[in-house]
Amino acid sequence: QVQLVESGGGLVQPGGSLRLSCAASRNIFSINAMNWYRQTPGKQREWVATITSRGSTNYADSVKGRFTISRDNAKNTVYLQMNSLKPGDPTDYYCSADLGGSEYYWGRGTQVTVSS
């Protein structure tokens, strides 16, 4: 089991940057994959990025080249560096942990608003 707490959201101007954090309640070194998702209220949640236990990363086409996922095992934290943010990007960002099998956990999310 793992608890996840996201932070770092806020208001940013178009073209600006933010770094989101996802703090885990346990060692993330052995977790199969850590993920970021995002969602516009009323719409389906969409996958953004994944980092595996081996450090491999993968991104949705919509964020490739703009977002970077990383992790700090010593701090049990995963990050999402977001650059060139666009108005209309989904506002609610969620961290998740895939422990394998049917074990999948979510944080409560953090809100990002891109507006001038």
Protein backbone atom coordinates (compact mmCIF):
# COMPACT_ATOMS: atom_id res chain seq x y z
CA GLN A 1 0.00 0.00 0.00
CA VAL A 2 1.11 3.58 -0.59
CA GLN A 3 -0.32 7.04 0.03
CA LEU A 4 0.42 9.74 -2.51
CA VAL A 5 0.25 13.50 -2.01
CA GLU A 6 0.58 15.89 -4.93
CA SER A 7 1.70 19.50 -4.58
CA GLY A 8 3.04 22.35 -6.66
CA GLY A 9 -0.06 23.35 -8.54
CA GLY A 10 -1.12 26.95 -8.98
CA LEU A 11 -1.80 29.75 -11.43
CA VAL A 12 0.65 30.21 -14.27
CA GLN A 13 0.67 32.38 -17.36
CA PRO A 14 0.54 30.85 -20.84
CA GLY A 15 3.99 29.69 -21.81
CA GLY A 16 5.03 29.44 -18.18
CA SER A 17 6.37 26.56 -16.16
CA LEU A 18 5.49 24.65 -13.02
CA ARG A 19 6.95 21.67 -11.25
CA LEU A 20 4.57 19.26 -9.59
CA SER A 21 5.63 16.89 -6.83
CA CYS A 22 4.19 13.58 -5.74
CA ALA A 23 5.34 12.48 -2.30
CA ALA A 24 4.90 8.79 -1.48
CA SER A 25 4.49 7.30 1.97
CA ARG A 26 6.95 4.52 1.26
CA ASN A 27 10.06 3.72 -0.71
CA ILE A 28 9.34 4.17 -4.41
CA PHE A 29 12.45 2.36 -5.59
CA SER A 30 10.64 -0.93 -6.05
CA ILE A 31 7.34 0.44 -7.36
CA ASN A 32 6.78 -0.84 -10.90
CA ALA A 33 5.79 2.51 -12.32
CA MET A 34 4.83 5.98 -11.18
CA ASN A 35 2.51 7.96 -13.38
CA TRP A 36 1.00 11.37 -13.87
CA TYR A 37 -2.49 11.87 -15.24
CA ARG A 38 -4.55 14.97 -15.80
CA GLN A 39 -8.20 15.79 -16.19
CA THR A 40 -10.50 18.58 -17.16
CA PRO A 41 -13.55 18.49 -14.85
CA GLY A 42 -16.34 16.64 -16.58
CA LYS A 43 -14.01 14.92 -19.00
CA GLN A 44 -12.09 11.67 -18.96
CA ARG A 45 -8.80 11.49 -17.11
CA GLU A 46 -5.86 11.24 -19.51
CA TRP A 47 -2.45 9.72 -19.03
CA VAL A 48 0.46 12.15 -19.16
CA ALA A 49 3.71 10.40 -18.29
CA THR A 50 5.25 7.33 -16.69
CA ILE A 51 8.56 6.55 -15.05
CA THR A 52 9.38 2.91 -14.31
CA SER A 53 11.41 1.38 -11.53
CA ARG A 54 14.29 1.15 -14.00
CA GLY A 55 14.04 4.83 -14.82
CA SER A 56 12.49 4.48 -18.25
CA THR A 57 10.13 7.28 -19.17
CA ASN A 58 7.26 7.63 -21.56
CA TYR A 59 5.02 10.56 -22.48
CA ALA A 60 1.71 11.30 -24.10
CA ASP A 61 2.11 12.92 -27.50
CA SER A 62 0.32 16.02 -26.22
CA VAL A 63 3.10 16.77 -23.72
CA LYS A 64 6.17 15.29 -25.38
CA GLY A 65 8.94 17.86 -25.50
CA ARG A 66 7.21 20.08 -22.92
CA PHE A 67 6.95 17.90 -19.81
CA THR A 68 9.58 15.87 -17.98
CA ILE A 69 8.94 13.19 -15.37
CA SER A 70 11.65 12.37 -12.87
CA ARG A 71 12.05 10.89 -9.45
CA ASP A 72 14.17 11.20 -6.34
CA ASN A 73 14.27 7.82 -4.62
CA ALA A 74 15.92 9.28 -1.53
CA LYS A 75 12.95 11.60 -1.05
CA ASN A 76 10.32 9.09 -2.20
CA THR A 77 9.11 11.75 -4.59
CA VAL A 78 8.22 11.90 -8.26
CA TYR A 79 8.20 15.17 -10.16
CA LEU A 80 6.55 16.52 -13.27
CA GLN A 81 8.30 19.51 -14.78
CA MET A 82 5.87 21.28 -17.06
CA ASN A 83 7.04 23.88 -19.55
CA SER A 84 5.26 25.87 -22.24
CA LEU A 85 1.91 25.45 -20.54
CA LYS A 86 -1.06 26.21 -22.71
CA PRO A 87 -4.46 27.73 -21.96
CA GLY A 88 -7.00 24.97 -22.15
CA ASP A 89 -4.65 22.31 -20.82
CA PRO A 90 -6.48 20.09 -18.32
CA THR A 91 -6.44 21.56 -14.84
CA ASP A 92 -6.39 18.65 -12.39
CA TYR A 93 -3.18 16.64 -12.12
CA TYR A 94 -2.99 13.28 -10.38
CA CYS A 95 -0.14 11.02 -9.40
CA SER A 96 -0.55 7.26 -9.37
CA ALA A 97 1.50 4.25 -8.33
CA ASP A 98 1.38 0.89 -10.08
CA LEU A 99 2.56 -1.73 -7.62
CA GLY A 100 1.83 -4.60 -9.97
CA GLY A 101 -1.06 -7.04 -10.14
CA SER A 102 -4.20 -5.19 -9.19
CA GLU A 103 -2.52 -2.75 -6.80
CA TYR A 104 -2.92 0.75 -8.13
CA TYR A 105 -3.10 3.87 -5.99
CA TRP A 106 -4.02 7.49 -6.65
CA GLY A 107 -3.32 10.77 -4.98
CA ARG A 108 -6.00 13.41 -4.52
CA GLY A 109 -4.63 15.71 -7.14
CA THR A 110 -3.35 19.24 -7.49
CA GLN A 111 -4.81 21.99 -9.62
CA VAL A 112 -3.03 23.88 -12.38
CA THR A 113 -4.59 26.90 -14.03
CA VAL A 114 -3.03 28.44 -17.13
CA SER A 115 -4.34 31.93 -17.59
CA SER A 116 -3.16 35.47 -18.23
